[in-house]
N, C-alpha and C. Protein backbone atom coordinates (compact mmCIF):
# COMPACT_ATOMS: atom_id res chain seq x y z
N UNK A 1 63.60 106.45 90.87
CA UNK A 1 65.23 106.13 90.68
C UNK A 1 65.82 104.85 90.78
N UNK A 2 66.62 104.00 90.22
CA UNK A 2 66.98 103.21 91.29
C UNK A 2 68.79 103.33 91.28
N UNK A 3 69.49 102.50 91.93
CA UNK A 3 70.68 102.35 92.49
C UNK A 3 71.86 103.00 91.11
N UNK A 4 71.40 101.93 90.08
CA UNK A 4 72.02 102.04 88.99
C UNK A 4 72.17 103.41 88.43
N UNK A 5 71.15 104.36 88.35
CA UNK A 5 71.12 105.33 87.83
C UNK A 5 71.62 106.95 88.59
N UNK A 6 71.72 106.20 89.48
CA UNK A 6 72.69 107.46 90.86
C UNK A 6 74.10 107.00 90.62
N UNK A 7 74.54 106.06 90.15
CA UNK A 7 75.51 105.74 90.91
C UNK A 7 76.82 106.53 90.05
N UNK A 8 77.51 107.25 91.07
CA UNK A 8 78.50 108.14 90.39
C UNK A 8 79.32 107.26 88.99
N UNK A 9 80.13 108.33 88.40
CA UNK A 9 80.63 108.30 87.51
C UNK A 9 81.90 108.65 87.28
N UNK A 10 82.80 108.04 86.68
CA UNK A 10 84.39 108.75 86.23
C UNK A 10 84.84 108.93 85.24
N UNK A 11 85.75 109.72 84.91
CA UNK A 11 85.85 109.16 83.51
C UNK A 11 87.61 109.04 83.57
N UNK A 12 87.79 108.02 83.19
CA UNK A 12 88.96 106.85 83.24
C UNK A 12 89.43 106.51 82.34
N UNK A 13 90.94 105.93 82.67
CA UNK A 13 91.77 105.83 81.41
C UNK A 13 93.07 104.82 81.69
N UNK A 14 93.35 104.00 80.98
CA UNK A 14 94.55 102.86 81.33
C UNK A 14 96.11 103.54 80.82
N UNK A 15 96.84 103.61 81.63
CA UNK A 15 98.01 104.23 80.64
C UNK A 15 99.56 103.62 81.95
N UNK A 16 100.86 103.78 81.06
CA UNK A 16 101.85 103.98 81.69
C UNK A 16 102.50 104.99 82.23
N UNK A 17 102.66 104.81 83.46
CA UNK A 17 103.14 106.17 83.90
C UNK A 17 104.62 106.29 83.43
N UNK A 18 104.98 107.62 83.67
CA UNK A 18 106.12 107.94 83.87
C UNK A 18 107.14 108.39 84.68
N UNK A 19 108.59 107.70 85.06
CA UNK A 19 109.29 108.03 85.88
C UNK A 19 109.59 109.50 85.74
N UNK A 20 110.58 110.23 87.00
CA UNK A 20 110.51 111.40 87.19
C UNK A 20 111.59 111.94 85.91
N UNK A 21 112.88 111.25 85.72
CA UNK A 21 114.20 111.96 85.01
C UNK A 21 112.83 112.21 83.41
N UNK A 22 112.19 111.22 83.27
CA UNK A 22 111.52 111.29 81.97
C UNK A 22 110.70 112.98 81.85
N UNK A 23 110.08 113.12 82.74
CA UNK A 23 109.28 113.56 83.10
C UNK A 23 110.10 115.20 83.02
N UNK A 24 110.69 114.94 83.67
CA UNK A 24 111.75 116.48 83.67
C UNK A 24 112.31 116.97 83.15
N UNK A 25 112.82 115.80 81.97
CA UNK A 25 113.07 115.86 80.34
C UNK A 25 111.87 116.73 79.49
N UNK A 26 110.85 115.96 79.77
CA UNK A 26 109.84 116.73 78.81
C UNK A 26 109.89 118.11 79.32
N UNK A 27 109.52 118.21 80.54
CA UNK A 27 109.43 119.62 81.04
C UNK A 27 110.10 120.76 80.49
N UNK A 28 111.22 120.10 80.98
CA UNK A 28 113.03 121.59 79.94
C UNK A 28 112.45 121.62 78.89
N UNK A 29 112.15 120.63 78.30
CA UNK A 29 112.12 121.37 76.84
C UNK A 29 110.82 121.93 76.58
N UNK A 30 109.44 121.41 77.35
CA UNK A 30 108.77 122.15 77.32
C UNK A 30 108.43 124.13 77.64
N UNK A 31 109.38 124.25 78.58
CA UNK A 31 109.53 125.43 79.27
C UNK A 31 110.41 125.97 78.43
N UNK A 32 111.39 125.76 77.71
CA UNK A 32 111.98 126.12 76.08
C UNK A 32 111.05 126.33 75.47
N UNK A 33 110.18 125.96 75.06
CA UNK A 33 108.93 125.90 73.61
C UNK A 33 108.07 127.10 74.06
N UNK A 34 108.10 127.04 75.46
CA UNK A 34 106.88 128.11 75.84
C UNK A 34 107.16 129.39 75.68
N UNK A 35 108.60 129.66 75.35
CA UNK A 35 109.03 131.18 75.34
C UNK A 35 108.76 131.47 73.93
N UNK A 36 108.54 130.51 73.22
CA UNK A 36 108.19 130.88 71.76
C UNK A 36 106.59 130.48 71.24
N UNK A 37 106.24 129.19 72.04
CA UNK A 37 104.99 129.37 71.59
C UNK A 37 103.58 129.30 72.81
N UNK A 38 102.23 129.07 72.26
CA UNK A 38 101.63 129.43 73.06
C UNK A 38 100.63 128.75 73.24
N UNK A 39 100.38 127.46 74.00
CA UNK A 39 99.32 126.71 73.86
C UNK A 39 98.23 126.88 75.31
N UNK A 40 96.92 126.81 74.65
CA UNK A 40 95.59 126.78 75.65
C UNK A 40 96.06 126.05 76.86
N UNK A 41 96.77 124.74 76.45
CA UNK A 41 96.94 123.88 77.98
C UNK A 41 98.60 123.21 78.10
N UNK A 42 98.80 123.20 78.86
CA UNK A 42 100.68 122.65 78.92
C UNK A 42 100.26 122.02 79.66
N UNK A 43 100.36 120.58 79.74
CA UNK A 43 100.18 119.27 80.75
C UNK A 43 101.20 119.39 80.94
N UNK A 44 100.74 119.43 82.98
CA UNK A 44 101.15 119.15 84.51
C UNK A 44 102.27 118.40 84.36
N UNK A 45 103.69 118.63 84.55
CA UNK A 45 104.76 117.23 84.45
C UNK A 45 103.74 116.00 85.02
N UNK A 46 103.51 116.12 86.31
CA UNK A 46 102.93 115.02 87.29
C UNK A 46 101.67 114.00 86.07
N UNK A 47 101.19 114.58 85.01
CA UNK A 47 100.24 113.99 84.31
C UNK A 47 100.93 113.16 83.11
N UNK A 48 102.10 113.79 82.58
CA UNK A 48 102.72 112.82 81.81
C UNK A 48 102.20 111.40 81.74
N UNK A 49 102.23 110.76 80.99
CA UNK A 49 101.68 109.47 80.37
C UNK A 49 101.90 108.82 78.67
N UNK A 50 101.72 107.63 79.20
CA UNK A 50 101.50 106.96 77.57
C UNK A 50 100.25 106.19 77.98
N UNK A 51 98.91 106.68 76.87
CA UNK A 51 97.63 105.75 77.32
C UNK A 51 98.10 104.68 76.13
N UNK A 52 96.73 103.70 76.85
CA UNK A 52 97.00 102.41 76.67
C UNK A 52 95.47 102.59 75.86
N UNK A 53 94.40 102.73 76.51
CA UNK A 53 93.50 103.11 76.14
C UNK A 53 92.11 103.89 77.26
N UNK A 54 91.50 104.89 76.42
CA UNK A 54 90.74 105.80 76.74
C UNK A 54 89.55 104.74 77.04
N UNK A 55 88.97 104.90 78.89
CA UNK A 55 87.95 103.82 79.26
C UNK A 55 86.52 105.34 78.96
N UNK A 56 86.89 106.67 79.27
CA UNK A 56 85.56 107.77 79.46
C UNK A 56 84.67 107.22 80.54
N UNK A 57 83.95 108.05 80.61
CA UNK A 57 82.77 108.03 81.57
C UNK A 57 82.28 106.56 82.05
N UNK A 58 83.02 106.30 83.17
CA UNK A 58 82.57 104.60 83.76
C UNK A 58 82.07 104.72 85.05
N UNK A 59 81.03 103.71 85.43
CA UNK A 59 80.19 103.50 86.70
C UNK A 59 81.22 103.02 87.82
N UNK A 60 81.01 103.93 88.78
CA UNK A 60 82.16 103.38 90.23
C UNK A 60 81.74 101.86 90.52
N UNK A 61 81.03 101.68 90.09
CA UNK A 61 80.83 99.92 90.04
C UNK A 61 81.45 98.74 89.59
N UNK A 62 81.95 99.35 88.55
CA UNK A 62 82.70 98.95 87.48
C UNK A 62 84.47 98.99 87.59
N UNK A 63 84.47 99.81 88.23
CA UNK A 63 86.26 99.86 88.84
C UNK A 63 86.97 98.76 89.46
N UNK A 64 86.42 98.13 90.02
CA UNK A 64 87.21 97.07 90.82
C UNK A 64 87.33 95.66 89.37
N UNK A 65 85.96 95.52 88.87
CA UNK A 65 86.70 94.78 87.68
C UNK A 65 87.51 94.80 85.92
N UNK A 66 87.18 96.38 86.40
CA UNK A 66 88.54 96.86 85.23
C UNK A 66 90.12 96.00 86.06
N UNK A 67 89.70 97.02 87.45
CA UNK A 67 91.18 96.62 87.89
C UNK A 67 91.80 95.11 88.23
N UNK A 68 90.35 94.32 88.58
CA UNK A 68 90.94 93.17 88.00
C UNK A 68 91.63 92.15 86.71
N UNK A 69 90.94 93.01 86.12
CA UNK A 69 91.04 92.43 84.82
C UNK A 69 93.12 92.73 84.46
N UNK A 70 93.09 94.20 84.96
CA UNK A 70 94.24 94.89 84.73
C UNK A 70 95.50 94.10 85.47
N UNK A 71 95.28 93.66 86.03
CA UNK A 71 95.93 92.69 87.41
C UNK A 71 96.82 91.54 86.82
N UNK A 72 95.62 90.65 85.83
CA UNK A 72 95.73 89.79 85.47
C UNK A 72 96.74 90.07 83.88
N UNK A 73 96.32 91.22 83.32
CA UNK A 73 97.53 91.70 82.19
C UNK A 73 98.87 91.74 83.08
N UNK A 74 98.64 92.40 83.76
CA UNK A 74 100.38 92.98 84.27
C UNK A 74 100.87 91.75 84.73
N UNK A 75 100.39 90.76 85.83
CA UNK A 75 100.73 89.57 86.57
C UNK A 75 101.75 89.15 84.88
N UNK A 76 101.44 88.76 83.71
CA UNK A 76 102.06 88.00 82.30
C UNK A 76 102.73 89.08 81.79
N UNK A 77 103.14 90.49 82.00
CA UNK A 77 103.73 91.37 81.31
C UNK A 77 105.04 91.87 82.00
N UNK A 78 106.06 91.59 80.52
CA UNK A 78 108.11 91.23 81.07
C UNK A 78 107.96 93.34 81.07
N UNK A 79 108.42 93.57 81.72
CA UNK A 79 109.27 95.16 81.57
C UNK A 79 109.56 95.12 79.87
N UNK A 80 109.17 96.54 79.85
CA UNK A 80 109.32 97.31 78.42
C UNK A 80 110.04 98.31 78.74
N UNK A 81 111.52 98.43 78.07
CA UNK A 81 112.45 98.97 77.38
C UNK A 81 111.70 100.37 76.45
N UNK A 82 111.52 101.46 77.20
CA UNK A 82 111.20 102.60 76.40
C UNK A 82 112.41 103.93 76.32
N UNK A 83 112.67 104.61 75.33
CA UNK A 83 113.81 105.85 75.53
C UNK A 83 112.57 106.68 75.01
N UNK A 84 112.62 108.77 75.16
CA UNK A 84 112.23 109.70 74.68
C UNK A 84 112.97 109.53 73.24
N UNK A 85 112.06 109.96 72.00
CA UNK A 85 112.63 110.31 71.00
C UNK A 85 111.98 111.18 70.02
N UNK A 86 112.10 112.28 69.59
CA UNK A 86 111.53 113.07 68.86
C UNK A 86 110.57 113.76 69.47
N UNK A 87 109.78 114.67 68.38
CA UNK A 87 108.48 114.99 68.66
C UNK A 87 107.67 115.31 67.39
N UNK A 88 106.66 115.71 67.90
CA UNK A 88 105.63 116.02 66.98
C UNK A 88 103.96 116.43 67.18
N UNK A 89 103.39 116.72 66.46
CA UNK A 89 101.85 117.43 66.60
C UNK A 89 101.09 116.38 65.84
N UNK A 90 99.91 116.81 66.42
CA UNK A 90 98.47 116.06 65.47
C UNK A 90 97.72 117.11 65.02
N UNK A 91 97.31 117.48 63.79
CA UNK A 91 96.68 118.33 63.03
C UNK A 91 97.26 118.94 62.37
N UNK A 92 97.29 120.29 62.07
CA UNK A 92 98.15 121.37 60.93
C UNK A 92 99.43 121.65 61.70
N UNK A 93 100.24 121.40 60.83
CA UNK A 93 101.40 122.44 61.95
C UNK A 93 100.88 123.88 62.18
N UNK A 94 100.14 124.62 61.43
CA UNK A 94 99.96 126.50 61.50
C UNK A 94 98.75 125.66 63.12
N UNK A 95 97.95 124.86 63.32
CA UNK A 95 97.01 124.86 64.27
C UNK A 95 96.83 123.61 65.16
N UNK A 96 98.02 122.94 65.73
CA UNK A 96 97.95 121.78 66.15
C UNK A 96 96.94 121.61 67.08
N UNK A 97 96.11 120.34 67.28
CA UNK A 97 95.59 120.37 68.59
C UNK A 97 96.42 119.39 69.61
N UNK A 98 97.86 118.81 69.53
CA UNK A 98 98.47 118.24 70.23
C UNK A 98 99.97 118.40 69.80
N UNK A 99 100.29 118.61 71.36
CA UNK A 99 102.27 118.67 70.51
C UNK A 99 102.74 117.37 72.15
N UNK A 100 103.21 116.87 70.99
CA UNK A 100 104.01 115.35 71.91
C UNK A 100 105.07 114.61 71.60
N UNK A 101 105.49 114.53 72.73
CA UNK A 101 107.01 113.63 72.55
C UNK A 101 106.97 112.56 72.01
N UNK A 102 107.63 112.03 71.63
CA UNK A 102 107.95 110.73 70.76
C UNK A 102 108.20 109.52 71.47
N UNK A 103 108.38 108.42 71.35
CA UNK A 103 109.26 107.09 72.15
C UNK A 103 109.13 106.56 71.11
N UNK A 104 110.41 105.68 71.67
CA UNK A 104 111.39 104.70 70.97
C UNK A 104 111.44 103.51 71.41
N UNK A 105 112.50 102.05 71.05
CA UNK A 105 112.46 101.12 72.01
C UNK A 105 111.58 100.26 71.49
N UNK A 106 111.00 98.95 72.81
CA UNK A 106 110.65 97.74 72.47
C UNK A 106 108.98 98.32 71.95
N UNK A 107 108.33 99.20 70.94
CA UNK A 107 107.30 98.90 70.73
C UNK A 107 106.85 98.22 70.22
N UNK A 108 107.25 97.25 69.62
CA UNK A 108 106.38 95.86 69.77
C UNK A 108 105.97 95.26 70.87
N UNK A 109 106.28 95.57 71.87
CA UNK A 109 105.86 94.98 73.41
C UNK A 109 105.00 95.86 73.56
N UNK A 110 105.09 96.91 73.55
CA UNK A 110 103.81 98.40 73.99
C UNK A 110 103.15 97.88 73.30
N UNK A 111 103.08 97.87 71.84
CA UNK A 111 101.22 97.72 71.19
C UNK A 111 100.66 96.69 71.48
N UNK A 112 101.52 95.10 71.92
CA UNK A 112 101.00 93.91 72.42
C UNK A 112 100.42 94.56 73.71
N UNK A 113 101.05 95.13 74.38
CA UNK A 113 99.89 95.24 76.18
C UNK A 113 99.24 95.38 75.23
N UNK A 114 98.79 96.66 74.62
CA UNK A 114 97.89 97.57 74.26
C UNK A 114 96.93 96.67 73.41
N UNK A 115 97.07 95.60 72.94
CA UNK A 115 96.30 95.40 72.20
C UNK A 115 95.54 94.19 73.27
N UNK A 116 96.28 93.98 74.46
CA UNK A 116 95.61 93.10 75.19
C UNK A 116 94.90 94.23 76.02
N UNK A 117 95.22 94.83 76.28
CA UNK A 117 94.50 95.17 77.23
C UNK A 117 92.96 96.15 76.46
N UNK A 118 93.12 96.38 75.68
CA UNK A 118 91.60 96.49 74.43
C UNK A 118 90.53 95.44 74.80
N UNK A 119 91.49 94.19 74.47
CA UNK A 119 90.83 92.55 74.25
C UNK A 119 90.21 92.53 75.60
N UNK A 120 90.87 92.72 76.70
CA UNK A 120 90.55 92.49 78.06
C UNK A 120 89.72 93.27 78.54
N UNK A 121 89.37 94.81 78.00
CA UNK A 121 88.32 95.62 78.31
C UNK A 121 86.98 95.61 77.64
N UNK A 122 87.08 95.08 76.36
CA UNK A 122 85.97 94.79 75.56
C UNK A 122 84.70 93.75 76.42
N UNK A 123 84.88 93.12 76.81
CA UNK A 123 83.71 92.10 77.36
C UNK A 123 83.33 92.93 78.83
N UNK A 124 83.46 93.97 78.63
CA UNK A 124 83.08 94.82 80.45
C UNK A 124 82.63 96.54 79.61
N UNK A 125 82.74 96.31 78.63
CA UNK A 125 81.45 97.49 77.68
C UNK A 125 82.48 98.80 77.24
N UNK A 126 83.77 98.26 76.88
CA UNK A 126 84.75 99.57 76.76
C UNK A 126 85.42 99.14 75.03
N UNK A 127 84.43 99.63 74.13
CA UNK A 127 85.21 99.51 72.73
C UNK A 127 86.90 100.39 72.91
N UNK A 128 87.91 99.85 71.88
CA UNK A 128 88.88 100.07 70.95
C UNK A 128 88.33 101.10 70.59
N UNK A 129 89.48 102.03 70.52
CA UNK A 129 89.01 103.42 69.14
C UNK A 129 89.80 102.54 67.91
N UNK A 130 88.85 102.92 66.51
CA UNK A 130 88.78 102.76 65.95
C UNK A 130 90.06 103.13 64.79
N UNK A 131 90.66 104.31 65.26
CA UNK A 131 92.14 104.06 64.45
C UNK A 131 93.62 103.75 65.22
N UNK A 132 94.73 103.56 64.31
CA UNK A 132 95.46 102.62 64.93
C UNK A 132 96.24 103.53 66.13
N UNK A 133 96.92 102.95 66.68
CA UNK A 133 97.99 103.10 68.18
C UNK A 133 98.53 103.86 68.00
N UNK A 134 98.80 105.39 68.27
CA UNK A 134 100.21 105.88 68.05
C UNK A 134 100.34 106.07 69.67
N UNK A 135 101.27 105.31 69.56
CA UNK A 135 102.09 105.49 71.59
C UNK A 135 102.85 106.97 71.11
N UNK A 136 102.74 108.05 72.48
CA UNK A 136 102.96 109.44 72.29
C UNK A 136 102.96 109.74 73.59
N UNK A 137 103.32 110.67 74.11
CA UNK A 137 103.42 111.79 75.63
C UNK A 137 102.95 112.96 75.08
N UNK A 138 101.50 113.45 75.22
CA UNK A 138 100.84 114.08 75.10
C UNK A 138 102.04 115.93 76.07
N UNK A 139 102.21 116.93 75.90
CA UNK A 139 102.52 117.66 76.40
C UNK A 139 101.81 119.15 76.23
N UNK A 140 101.66 118.87 75.11
CA UNK A 140 100.79 120.60 75.33
C UNK A 140 99.27 120.23 74.51
N UNK A 141 97.91 121.07 74.54
CA UNK A 141 97.14 120.77 73.65
C UNK A 141 96.09 122.58 73.49
N UNK A 142 96.05 122.39 71.66
CA UNK A 142 95.45 123.62 71.39
C UNK A 142 96.54 125.08 71.50
N UNK A 143 97.41 125.03 70.32
CA UNK A 143 98.36 125.61 69.55
C UNK A 143 97.38 127.46 69.56
N UNK A 144 98.13 128.24 70.35
CA UNK A 144 96.87 129.86 70.03
C UNK A 144 97.90 130.52 69.99
N UNK A 145 98.91 130.32 70.00
CA UNK A 145 99.87 131.60 68.81
C UNK A 145 101.35 130.98 69.07
N UNK A 146 101.71 131.54 67.84
CA UNK A 146 103.03 131.12 67.79
C UNK A 146 103.11 130.30 66.05
N UNK A 147 103.98 129.26 65.98
CA UNK A 147 104.71 128.74 64.12
C UNK A 147 105.13 127.52 64.86
N UNK A 148 104.62 126.49 64.51
CA UNK A 148 104.94 125.11 65.09
C UNK A 148 106.51 124.94 63.84
N UNK A 149 107.51 125.18 63.39
CA UNK A 149 108.30 124.48 62.58
C UNK A 149 108.97 122.90 62.78
N UNK A 150 109.85 122.70 61.92
CA UNK A 150 110.67 121.51 61.71
C UNK A 150 111.52 121.96 62.64
N UNK A 151 112.28 123.19 62.99
CA UNK A 151 113.34 123.23 63.78
C UNK A 151 112.87 123.01 65.23
N UNK A 152 111.63 124.21 65.51
CA UNK A 152 110.84 123.68 66.78
C UNK A 152 110.88 122.11 67.47
N UNK A 153 110.59 121.11 66.19
CA UNK A 153 110.50 119.40 66.66
C UNK A 153 111.52 118.97 66.68
N UNK A 154 112.53 119.19 65.63
CA UNK A 154 113.63 118.38 65.43
C UNK A 154 114.37 117.50 66.49
N UNK A 155 114.31 118.17 67.58
CA UNK A 155 115.16 117.80 68.52
C UNK A 155 114.27 117.05 69.69
N UNK A 156 113.34 117.32 70.15
CA UNK A 156 112.34 117.36 70.75
C UNK A 156 112.39 117.07 72.38
N UNK A 157 112.78 116.49 73.32
CA UNK A 157 113.31 116.52 74.66
C UNK A 157 114.14 116.17 74.68
N UNK A 158 114.83 116.34 75.64
CA UNK A 158 116.33 115.36 75.70
C UNK A 158 116.39 114.14 75.72
N UNK A 159 116.87 113.13 75.37
CA UNK A 159 116.65 111.72 75.65
C UNK A 159 116.98 111.01 76.40
N UNK A 160 116.19 109.99 77.03
CA UNK A 160 115.82 109.58 78.74
C UNK A 160 115.73 108.20 78.39
N UNK A 161 115.96 107.50 78.76
CA UNK A 161 115.47 106.41 78.48
C UNK A 161 114.45 105.19 80.23
N UNK A 162 113.82 104.70 79.95
CA UNK A 162 113.60 103.77 81.03
C UNK A 162 113.18 102.41 80.89
N UNK A 163 112.26 101.77 81.80
CA UNK A 163 112.13 100.28 82.16
C UNK A 163 111.02 100.75 83.11
N UNK A 164 109.78 100.53 81.38
CA UNK A 164 108.23 100.41 82.02
C UNK A 164 108.31 99.00 82.80
N UNK A 165 107.57 99.31 84.03
CA UNK A 165 107.68 98.27 84.52
C UNK A 165 106.11 97.99 85.34
N UNK A 166 105.11 98.93 85.10
CA UNK A 166 103.68 98.84 85.12
C UNK A 166 102.99 99.49 84.82
N UNK A 167 101.30 99.69 84.75
CA UNK A 167 100.66 100.22 84.00
C UNK A 167 99.52 100.72 85.50
N UNK A 168 98.84 101.70 85.14
CA UNK A 168 97.78 101.83 86.20
C UNK A 168 96.32 102.46 85.21
N UNK A 169 95.60 102.74 86.47
CA UNK A 169 94.17 102.84 85.90
C UNK A 169 94.24 104.77 86.55
N UNK A 170 94.14 105.48 86.08
CA UNK A 170 93.68 106.83 86.46
C UNK A 170 92.56 107.64 85.69
N UNK A 171 91.88 108.13 86.99
CA UNK A 171 90.73 109.07 86.82
C UNK A 171 91.21 110.51 86.59
N UNK A 172 90.39 110.78 85.80
CA UNK A 172 90.71 112.81 85.53
C UNK A 172 89.48 113.05 86.31
N UNK A 173 89.94 114.14 87.01
CA UNK A 173 89.78 115.28 88.07
C UNK A 173 90.00 116.81 87.42
N UNK A 174 88.87 117.06 86.52
CA UNK A 174 88.56 118.17 85.38
C UNK A 174 88.72 119.07 86.69
N UNK A 175 89.59 120.04 85.50
CA UNK A 175 89.67 121.54 85.74
C UNK A 175 90.82 121.61 87.80
N UNK A 176 91.24 120.57 87.39
CA UNK A 176 92.56 120.28 88.74
C UNK A 176 93.38 120.68 87.60
N UNK A 177 94.95 120.36 88.75
CA UNK A 177 96.28 120.25 88.16
C UNK A 177 96.92 120.45 89.25
N UNK A 178 97.68 118.76 89.30
CA UNK A 178 97.66 117.69 88.22
C UNK A 178 96.41 117.14 88.40
N UNK A 179 96.04 116.66 86.77
CA UNK A 179 94.61 116.26 86.67
C UNK A 179 94.19 115.26 87.02
N UNK A 180 94.97 114.39 86.78
CA UNK A 180 94.74 112.76 87.27
C UNK A 180 95.37 111.83 88.29
N UNK A 181 94.59 111.14 88.93
CA UNK A 181 94.47 110.68 90.07
C UNK A 181 94.57 109.13 89.75
N UNK A 182 95.76 108.57 90.13
CA UNK A 182 95.60 107.00 89.90
C UNK A 182 94.85 105.86 90.90
N UNK A 183 94.24 105.50 90.60
CA UNK A 183 93.06 105.09 91.09
C UNK A 183 93.64 102.93 91.77
N UNK A 184 94.36 102.70 90.54
CA UNK A 184 95.22 101.56 90.50
C UNK A 184 96.27 101.36 89.84
N UNK A 185 97.50 100.76 90.73
CA UNK A 185 98.72 100.66 89.73
C UNK A 185 99.30 99.23 90.18
N UNK A 186 99.24 98.95 89.12
CA UNK A 186 99.54 96.87 88.44
C UNK A 186 101.18 97.06 88.27
N UNK A 187 101.79 96.33 89.26
CA UNK A 187 103.31 96.57 88.65
C UNK A 187 103.27 94.41 87.85
N UNK A 188 104.38 94.91 86.56
CA UNK A 188 104.65 93.73 86.00
C UNK A 188 105.71 92.54 86.31
N UNK A 189 104.26 91.04 86.22
CA UNK A 189 105.12 90.89 86.93
C UNK A 189 105.18 90.39 87.81
N UNK A 190 103.71 91.06 89.04
CA UNK A 190 103.56 90.35 89.96
C UNK A 190 101.98 89.78 90.23
């Protein structure tokens, strides 16, 4: 067995982290919803984020190349103004896979950043997803009891605005709470 076959593998993704004021707003909303709905998993407040690209299982030796590429992207990126707005589900309303908080603001800049990230990751062996990019913040997964109505989703979390000023490389630690660990943080314009 050679070294490449025994190299540790980590489950990674690239995301925009959220400030506490945004996480707190989502937490208040999910606590209120939790009295009416039951999901298999409510996301830990420290794990809220906006995904730019899921990398999946990645050899530890590749992390420095990923971080280096992300530093280059971040250095050329200007901050992005974003706000919480609305909510929704992925999957049928009777049994959604994902409950999410919506985002508004400079979405074109966010989508351009996401395209730059996926383009930079392609030569490193990470393929972009085939589906269109739909920025959101996952709040819960897999409804087990209750009924999602338009009334429950009509308001979403309390509005909160922020300046996204960096991106992070996260490692997933399954069965931990919080589940995501920052391996690298790259500030925009630096």
